[in-house]
Amino acid sequence: MNRIVLLLSLMLGLFAVSATSSIITALPARAEAMNMEACETQCKNCQKVCQETLGYCKEKGGKYAEAKHINTLKDCILSCRTSADFLSRKSANHMKSCGFCAAICKICADSCAAFPDDKKLKECVAECRKCAESCDKMANMK
């Protein structure tokens, strides 16, 4: 009887170690998936705010509608859309698209920051900086 109890205890112990090891191995993958989902959401939010800002700047005219600023907003919209797509498909190249998106979002934030007294452009600056931070994290994941 003692041998059976001992054998069962050993088997349960091995099972517990095996299950724990599987859980520990799965944690980084789960964390990366959660980060990818959060980054995808952030890219979509930034894309939306930049799209709204683009329309606002075109309507406002003058220095708001200068080609360099408008093209920067368009670049940001496209890079966010592309990065969100890479992330949604869990593309093996998502780190590259996120690195590019982070760089473009920083440029767009700087472009919008040139209008410090405008509430709509301040919102765009904040959203672009959040997206750049999120994408930087994804681009530097190992």
N, C-alpha and C. Protein backbone atom coordinates (compact mmCIF):
# COMPACT_ATOMS: atom_id res chain seq x y z
N MET A 1 0.82 -1.19 0.00
CA MET A 1 0.00 0.00 0.00
C MET A 1 0.87 1.26 0.00
N ASN A 2 1.94 1.27 0.80
CA ASN A 2 2.82 2.41 0.87
C ASN A 2 3.51 2.65 -0.47
N ARG A 3 3.84 1.56 -1.15
CA ARG A 3 4.47 1.70 -2.47
C ARG A 3 3.52 2.35 -3.47
N ILE A 4 2.27 1.98 -3.41
CA ILE A 4 1.26 2.55 -4.32
C ILE A 4 1.10 4.04 -4.04
N VAL A 5 1.02 4.41 -2.78
CA VAL A 5 0.88 5.82 -2.40
C VAL A 5 2.11 6.59 -2.85
N LEU A 6 3.29 6.01 -2.63
CA LEU A 6 4.52 6.66 -3.05
C LEU A 6 4.57 6.83 -4.56
N LEU A 7 4.20 5.78 -5.29
CA LEU A 7 4.18 5.84 -6.75
C LEU A 7 3.18 6.89 -7.25
N LEU A 8 2.01 6.92 -6.67
CA LEU A 8 1.01 7.92 -7.04
C LEU A 8 1.50 9.33 -6.72
N SER A 9 2.13 9.51 -5.60
CA SER A 9 2.68 10.82 -5.23
C SER A 9 3.73 11.28 -6.22
N LEU A 10 4.60 10.36 -6.62
CA LEU A 10 5.62 10.69 -7.62
C LEU A 10 4.99 11.07 -8.95
N MET A 11 3.98 10.31 -9.36
CA MET A 11 3.32 10.59 -10.63
C MET A 11 2.63 11.95 -10.59
N LEU A 12 1.95 12.25 -9.50
CA LEU A 12 1.29 13.55 -9.35
C LEU A 12 2.31 14.68 -9.34
N GLY A 13 3.42 14.47 -8.68
CA GLY A 13 4.48 15.48 -8.65
C GLY A 13 5.03 15.76 -10.03
N LEU A 14 5.28 14.69 -10.81
CA LEU A 14 5.77 14.86 -12.18
C LEU A 14 4.74 15.58 -13.05
N PHE A 15 3.47 15.23 -12.87
CA PHE A 15 2.41 15.89 -13.62
C PHE A 15 2.36 17.38 -13.27
N ALA A 16 2.49 17.70 -11.99
CA ALA A 16 2.45 19.10 -11.55
C ALA A 16 3.62 19.88 -12.14
N VAL A 17 4.79 19.29 -12.13
CA VAL A 17 5.96 19.96 -12.72
C VAL A 17 5.76 20.18 -14.21
N SER A 18 5.25 19.17 -14.89
CA SER A 18 5.01 19.27 -16.33
C SER A 18 3.97 20.35 -16.64
N ALA A 19 2.88 20.38 -15.89
CA ALA A 19 1.83 21.37 -16.11
C ALA A 19 2.34 22.78 -15.82
N THR A 20 3.10 22.93 -14.75
CA THR A 20 3.66 24.24 -14.39
C THR A 20 4.61 24.72 -15.47
N SER A 21 5.42 23.81 -15.96
CA SER A 21 6.37 24.16 -17.02
C SER A 21 5.64 24.61 -18.27
N SER A 22 4.54 23.97 -18.62
CA SER A 22 3.75 24.37 -19.79
C SER A 22 3.14 25.75 -19.60
N ILE A 23 2.67 26.01 -18.40
CA ILE A 23 2.07 27.31 -18.11
C ILE A 23 3.12 28.40 -18.20
N ILE A 24 4.28 28.16 -17.61
CA ILE A 24 5.35 29.15 -17.62
C ILE A 24 5.82 29.42 -19.05
N THR A 25 5.89 28.38 -19.86
CA THR A 25 6.28 28.54 -21.26
C THR A 25 5.24 29.35 -22.03
N ALA A 26 3.96 29.17 -21.70
CA ALA A 26 2.88 29.85 -22.42
C ALA A 26 2.75 31.33 -22.02
N LEU A 27 3.24 31.72 -20.85
CA LEU A 27 3.06 33.10 -20.39
C LEU A 27 3.67 34.14 -21.32
N PRO A 28 4.92 34.01 -21.77
CA PRO A 28 5.46 35.04 -22.67
C PRO A 28 4.67 35.15 -23.98
N ALA A 29 4.23 34.02 -24.52
CA ALA A 29 3.45 34.06 -25.76
C ALA A 29 2.13 34.78 -25.53
N ARG A 30 1.51 34.53 -24.41
CA ARG A 30 0.23 35.18 -24.08
C ARG A 30 0.45 36.69 -23.89
N ALA A 31 1.52 37.04 -23.23
CA ALA A 31 1.83 38.47 -23.01
C ALA A 31 2.07 39.16 -24.34
N GLU A 32 2.79 38.51 -25.25
CA GLU A 32 3.05 39.11 -26.56
C GLU A 32 1.74 39.28 -27.32
N ALA A 33 0.86 38.29 -27.26
CA ALA A 33 -0.44 38.39 -27.95
C ALA A 33 -1.26 39.55 -27.39
N MET A 34 -1.23 39.72 -26.07
CA MET A 34 -1.96 40.83 -25.46
C MET A 34 -1.36 42.17 -25.88
N ASN A 35 -0.03 42.25 -25.93
CA ASN A 35 0.64 43.48 -26.38
C ASN A 35 0.31 43.77 -27.83
N MET A 36 0.25 42.73 -28.66
CA MET A 36 -0.08 42.92 -30.07
C MET A 36 -1.50 43.47 -30.22
N GLU A 37 -2.43 42.92 -29.45
CA GLU A 37 -3.81 43.40 -29.50
C GLU A 37 -3.91 44.85 -29.04
N ALA A 38 -3.21 45.18 -27.99
CA ALA A 38 -3.23 46.56 -27.47
C ALA A 38 -2.61 47.52 -28.49
N CYS A 39 -1.53 47.10 -29.11
CA CYS A 39 -0.87 47.95 -30.10
C CYS A 39 -1.76 48.12 -31.33
N GLU A 40 -2.41 47.04 -31.75
CA GLU A 40 -3.33 47.13 -32.89
C GLU A 40 -4.44 48.14 -32.60
N THR A 41 -5.00 48.08 -31.41
CA THR A 41 -6.05 49.02 -31.01
C THR A 41 -5.52 50.45 -31.01
N GLN A 42 -4.31 50.63 -30.49
CA GLN A 42 -3.72 51.96 -30.44
C GLN A 42 -3.48 52.49 -31.85
N CYS A 43 -3.01 51.63 -32.77
CA CYS A 43 -2.80 52.05 -34.16
C CYS A 43 -4.12 52.48 -34.81
N LYS A 44 -5.18 51.73 -34.54
CA LYS A 44 -6.49 52.07 -35.10
C LYS A 44 -6.99 53.40 -34.54
N ASN A 45 -6.77 53.62 -33.23
CA ASN A 45 -7.18 54.89 -32.62
C ASN A 45 -6.42 56.06 -33.24
N CYS A 46 -5.12 55.88 -33.41
CA CYS A 46 -4.29 56.94 -33.98
C CYS A 46 -4.70 57.22 -35.43
N GLN A 47 -4.96 56.17 -36.17
CA GLN A 47 -5.41 56.32 -37.56
C GLN A 47 -6.69 57.15 -37.61
N LYS A 48 -7.61 56.85 -36.73
CA LYS A 48 -8.90 57.56 -36.69
C LYS A 48 -8.70 59.03 -36.35
N VAL A 49 -7.91 59.31 -35.32
CA VAL A 49 -7.69 60.70 -34.90
C VAL A 49 -6.97 61.48 -36.00
N CYS A 50 -5.99 60.86 -36.63
CA CYS A 50 -5.27 61.54 -37.71
C CYS A 50 -6.18 61.79 -38.92
N GLN A 51 -7.08 60.86 -39.19
CA GLN A 51 -8.03 61.03 -40.29
C GLN A 51 -8.95 62.23 -40.00
N GLU A 52 -9.42 62.32 -38.77
CA GLU A 52 -10.27 63.45 -38.37
C GLU A 52 -9.47 64.76 -38.43
N THR A 53 -8.24 64.71 -37.99
CA THR A 53 -7.38 65.90 -37.99
C THR A 53 -7.09 66.35 -39.42
N LEU A 54 -6.91 65.40 -40.31
CA LEU A 54 -6.68 65.71 -41.72
C LEU A 54 -7.85 66.51 -42.28
N GLY A 55 -9.06 66.03 -42.06
CA GLY A 55 -10.25 66.75 -42.52
C GLY A 55 -10.35 68.13 -41.90
N TYR A 56 -10.07 68.21 -40.61
CA TYR A 56 -10.10 69.48 -39.89
C TYR A 56 -9.11 70.47 -40.49
N CYS A 57 -7.88 70.01 -40.74
CA CYS A 57 -6.84 70.90 -41.27
C CYS A 57 -7.15 71.37 -42.69
N LYS A 58 -7.69 70.48 -43.50
CA LYS A 58 -8.07 70.87 -44.86
C LYS A 58 -9.16 71.93 -44.84
N GLU A 59 -10.12 71.74 -43.93
CA GLU A 59 -11.22 72.69 -43.81
C GLU A 59 -10.74 74.04 -43.26
N LYS A 60 -9.83 73.99 -42.33
CA LYS A 60 -9.32 75.20 -41.69
C LYS A 60 -8.49 76.03 -42.68
N GLY A 61 -7.73 75.35 -43.53
CA GLY A 61 -6.95 76.05 -44.56
C GLY A 61 -5.71 76.74 -44.01
N GLY A 62 -5.13 77.59 -44.85
CA GLY A 62 -3.94 78.34 -44.46
C GLY A 62 -2.78 77.43 -44.10
N LYS A 63 -2.07 77.79 -43.02
CA LYS A 63 -0.91 77.00 -42.61
C LYS A 63 -1.29 75.58 -42.18
N TYR A 64 -2.55 75.38 -41.75
CA TYR A 64 -3.04 74.05 -41.38
C TYR A 64 -3.06 73.10 -42.58
N ALA A 65 -3.27 73.68 -43.76
CA ALA A 65 -3.44 72.87 -44.97
C ALA A 65 -2.19 72.86 -45.85
N GLU A 66 -1.06 73.27 -45.31
CA GLU A 66 0.17 73.23 -46.11
C GLU A 66 0.52 71.78 -46.45
N ALA A 67 1.05 71.59 -47.65
CA ALA A 67 1.31 70.25 -48.20
C ALA A 67 2.13 69.37 -47.26
N LYS A 68 3.18 69.91 -46.67
CA LYS A 68 4.05 69.10 -45.81
C LYS A 68 3.27 68.53 -44.62
N HIS A 69 2.45 69.36 -43.99
CA HIS A 69 1.66 68.93 -42.84
C HIS A 69 0.59 67.91 -43.26
N ILE A 70 -0.11 68.20 -44.35
CA ILE A 70 -1.15 67.30 -44.85
C ILE A 70 -0.55 65.94 -45.22
N ASN A 71 0.59 65.95 -45.90
CA ASN A 71 1.23 64.70 -46.29
C ASN A 71 1.72 63.91 -45.08
N THR A 72 2.16 64.61 -44.05
CA THR A 72 2.59 63.93 -42.83
C THR A 72 1.41 63.22 -42.17
N LEU A 73 0.27 63.89 -42.12
CA LEU A 73 -0.94 63.25 -41.58
C LEU A 73 -1.32 62.03 -42.42
N LYS A 74 -1.27 62.15 -43.73
CA LYS A 74 -1.59 61.01 -44.61
C LYS A 74 -0.62 59.86 -44.39
N ASP A 75 0.67 60.17 -44.22
CA ASP A 75 1.67 59.14 -43.97
C ASP A 75 1.35 58.40 -42.66
N CYS A 76 0.97 59.16 -41.67
CA CYS A 76 0.66 58.56 -40.37
C CYS A 76 -0.58 57.66 -40.46
N ILE A 77 -1.57 58.13 -41.15
CA ILE A 77 -2.80 57.34 -41.34
C ILE A 77 -2.45 56.01 -42.00
N LEU A 78 -1.69 56.07 -43.06
CA LEU A 78 -1.34 54.84 -43.79
C LEU A 78 -0.43 53.92 -42.98
N SER A 79 0.55 54.49 -42.28
CA SER A 79 1.45 53.62 -41.50
C SER A 79 0.70 52.96 -40.34
N CYS A 80 -0.23 53.68 -39.72
CA CYS A 80 -1.04 53.08 -38.65
C CYS A 80 -1.95 51.99 -39.19
N ARG A 81 -2.56 52.23 -40.33
CA ARG A 81 -3.43 51.22 -40.95
C ARG A 81 -2.62 49.96 -41.28
N THR A 82 -1.45 50.16 -41.86
CA THR A 82 -0.60 49.03 -42.25
C THR A 82 -0.14 48.25 -41.02
N SER A 83 0.31 48.96 -40.00
CA SER A 83 0.77 48.29 -38.80
C SER A 83 -0.36 47.52 -38.12
N ALA A 84 -1.55 48.12 -38.05
CA ALA A 84 -2.71 47.43 -37.47
C ALA A 84 -3.01 46.15 -38.25
N ASP A 85 -2.87 46.21 -39.57
CA ASP A 85 -3.11 45.03 -40.39
C ASP A 85 -2.08 43.94 -40.09
N PHE A 86 -0.80 44.32 -40.03
CA PHE A 86 0.26 43.34 -39.72
C PHE A 86 -0.01 42.69 -38.36
N LEU A 87 -0.40 43.51 -37.38
CA LEU A 87 -0.65 43.00 -36.04
C LEU A 87 -1.88 42.09 -36.01
N SER A 88 -2.93 42.47 -36.72
CA SER A 88 -4.16 41.66 -36.71
C SER A 88 -3.93 40.28 -37.32
N ARG A 89 -3.00 40.21 -38.28
CA ARG A 89 -2.69 38.93 -38.92
C ARG A 89 -1.57 38.19 -38.21
N LYS A 90 -1.04 38.81 -37.15
CA LYS A 90 0.09 38.27 -36.41
C LYS A 90 1.24 37.94 -37.37
N SER A 91 1.47 38.88 -38.27
CA SER A 91 2.54 38.74 -39.26
C SER A 91 3.90 38.62 -38.56
N ALA A 92 4.75 37.78 -39.11
CA ALA A 92 6.11 37.64 -38.57
C ALA A 92 6.89 38.94 -38.75
N ASN A 93 6.41 39.83 -39.60
CA ASN A 93 7.08 41.10 -39.87
C ASN A 93 6.48 42.27 -39.11
N HIS A 94 5.62 42.00 -38.13
CA HIS A 94 4.95 43.09 -37.41
C HIS A 94 5.94 44.00 -36.69
N MET A 95 7.07 43.47 -36.27
CA MET A 95 8.05 44.31 -35.57
C MET A 95 8.62 45.37 -36.50
N LYS A 96 8.80 45.03 -37.76
CA LYS A 96 9.31 46.00 -38.73
C LYS A 96 8.26 47.06 -39.03
N SER A 97 7.01 46.64 -39.22
CA SER A 97 5.96 47.63 -39.51
C SER A 97 5.75 48.53 -38.30
N CYS A 98 5.86 47.97 -37.10
CA CYS A 98 5.69 48.78 -35.88
C CYS A 98 6.83 49.79 -35.73
N GLY A 99 8.04 49.38 -36.08
CA GLY A 99 9.17 50.32 -36.01
C GLY A 99 8.97 51.49 -36.94
N PHE A 100 8.51 51.20 -38.16
CA PHE A 100 8.24 52.24 -39.15
C PHE A 100 7.10 53.14 -38.66
N CYS A 101 6.04 52.52 -38.16
CA CYS A 101 4.88 53.28 -37.68
C CYS A 101 5.28 54.21 -36.52
N ALA A 102 6.10 53.72 -35.61
CA ALA A 102 6.54 54.55 -34.48
C ALA A 102 7.28 55.78 -34.99
N ALA A 103 8.15 55.58 -35.97
CA ALA A 103 8.92 56.71 -36.52
C ALA A 103 8.00 57.74 -37.17
N ILE A 104 7.03 57.29 -37.95
CA ILE A 104 6.11 58.20 -38.64
C ILE A 104 5.21 58.90 -37.62
N CYS A 105 4.75 58.18 -36.60
CA CYS A 105 3.91 58.80 -35.58
C CYS A 105 4.65 59.91 -34.84
N LYS A 106 5.94 59.73 -34.59
CA LYS A 106 6.73 60.78 -33.93
C LYS A 106 6.83 62.02 -34.82
N ILE A 107 7.01 61.80 -36.11
CA ILE A 107 7.08 62.92 -37.06
C ILE A 107 5.74 63.65 -37.11
N CYS A 108 4.66 62.88 -37.12
CA CYS A 108 3.32 63.48 -37.17
C CYS A 108 3.03 64.26 -35.88
N ALA A 109 3.42 63.69 -34.74
CA ALA A 109 3.22 64.40 -33.46
C ALA A 109 3.96 65.74 -33.48
N ASP A 110 5.17 65.74 -33.99
CA ASP A 110 5.94 66.98 -34.07
C ASP A 110 5.28 67.99 -35.02
N SER A 111 4.75 67.49 -36.12
CA SER A 111 4.09 68.37 -37.08
C SER A 111 2.84 69.02 -36.46
N CYS A 112 2.07 68.22 -35.75
CA CYS A 112 0.85 68.74 -35.11
C CYS A 112 1.18 69.64 -33.92
N ALA A 113 2.31 69.38 -33.27
CA ALA A 113 2.72 70.19 -32.12
C ALA A 113 3.08 71.62 -32.53
N ALA A 114 3.25 71.86 -33.83
CA ALA A 114 3.54 73.21 -34.32
C ALA A 114 2.32 74.13 -34.17
N PHE A 115 1.18 73.55 -33.77
CA PHE A 115 -0.06 74.31 -33.56
C PHE A 115 -0.46 74.16 -32.09
N PRO A 116 0.32 74.75 -31.17
CA PRO A 116 0.14 74.48 -29.73
C PRO A 116 -1.17 75.01 -29.13
N ASP A 117 -1.82 75.92 -29.80
CA ASP A 117 -3.04 76.49 -29.23
C ASP A 117 -4.31 75.85 -29.78
N ASP A 118 -4.17 74.82 -30.58
CA ASP A 118 -5.33 74.20 -31.21
C ASP A 118 -5.66 72.87 -30.53
N LYS A 119 -6.86 72.79 -29.96
CA LYS A 119 -7.29 71.61 -29.21
C LYS A 119 -7.28 70.34 -30.06
N LYS A 120 -7.75 70.42 -31.29
CA LYS A 120 -7.81 69.24 -32.16
C LYS A 120 -6.41 68.72 -32.46
N LEU A 121 -5.48 69.60 -32.69
CA LEU A 121 -4.12 69.17 -33.00
C LEU A 121 -3.39 68.67 -31.75
N LYS A 122 -3.74 69.20 -30.59
CA LYS A 122 -3.18 68.67 -29.33
C LYS A 122 -3.62 67.22 -29.14
N GLU A 123 -4.87 66.95 -29.49
CA GLU A 123 -5.39 65.57 -29.39
C GLU A 123 -4.59 64.66 -30.33
N CYS A 124 -4.29 65.15 -31.51
CA CYS A 124 -3.53 64.37 -32.48
C CYS A 124 -2.11 64.11 -31.96
N VAL A 125 -1.49 65.12 -31.37
CA VAL A 125 -0.15 64.96 -30.79
C VAL A 125 -0.17 63.84 -29.75
N ALA A 126 -1.13 63.91 -28.84
CA ALA A 126 -1.22 62.92 -27.76
C ALA A 126 -1.42 61.51 -28.31
N GLU A 127 -2.31 61.37 -29.28
CA GLU A 127 -2.60 60.05 -29.85
C GLU A 127 -1.40 59.50 -30.61
N CYS A 128 -0.73 60.35 -31.36
CA CYS A 128 0.46 59.91 -32.11
C CYS A 128 1.57 59.48 -31.16
N ARG A 129 1.73 60.19 -30.06
CA ARG A 129 2.78 59.82 -29.10
C ARG A 129 2.46 58.49 -28.42
N LYS A 130 1.19 58.27 -28.10
CA LYS A 130 0.79 56.98 -27.50
C LYS A 130 1.06 55.84 -28.48
N CYS A 131 0.71 56.07 -29.73
CA CYS A 131 0.91 55.04 -30.75
C CYS A 131 2.40 54.77 -30.96
N ALA A 132 3.18 55.82 -31.00
CA ALA A 132 4.64 55.66 -31.17
C ALA A 132 5.22 54.84 -30.03
N GLU A 133 4.78 55.12 -28.82
CA GLU A 133 5.28 54.38 -27.65
C GLU A 133 4.89 52.90 -27.73
N SER A 134 3.65 52.65 -28.08
CA SER A 134 3.16 51.28 -28.19
C SER A 134 3.89 50.53 -29.29
N CYS A 135 4.05 51.18 -30.44
CA CYS A 135 4.74 50.54 -31.56
C CYS A 135 6.23 50.34 -31.28
N ASP A 136 6.84 51.27 -30.57
CA ASP A 136 8.24 51.10 -30.19
C ASP A 136 8.42 49.84 -29.34
N LYS A 137 7.50 49.61 -28.42
CA LYS A 137 7.56 48.40 -27.58
C LYS A 137 7.48 47.14 -28.44
N MET A 138 6.55 47.15 -29.40
CA MET A 138 6.39 45.98 -30.27
C MET A 138 7.62 45.80 -31.17
N ALA A 139 8.17 46.88 -31.64
CA ALA A 139 9.32 46.81 -32.55
C ALA A 139 10.56 46.26 -31.84
N ASN A 140 10.62 46.47 -30.54
CA ASN A 140 11.80 46.05 -29.78
C ASN A 140 11.60 44.76 -29.00
N MET A 141 10.47 44.08 -29.23
CA MET A 141 10.24 42.79 -28.58
C MET A 141 11.16 41.74 -29.15
N LYS A 142 11.65 40.90 -28.32
CA LYS A 142 12.52 39.80 -28.76
C LYS A 142 11.83 38.49 -28.57
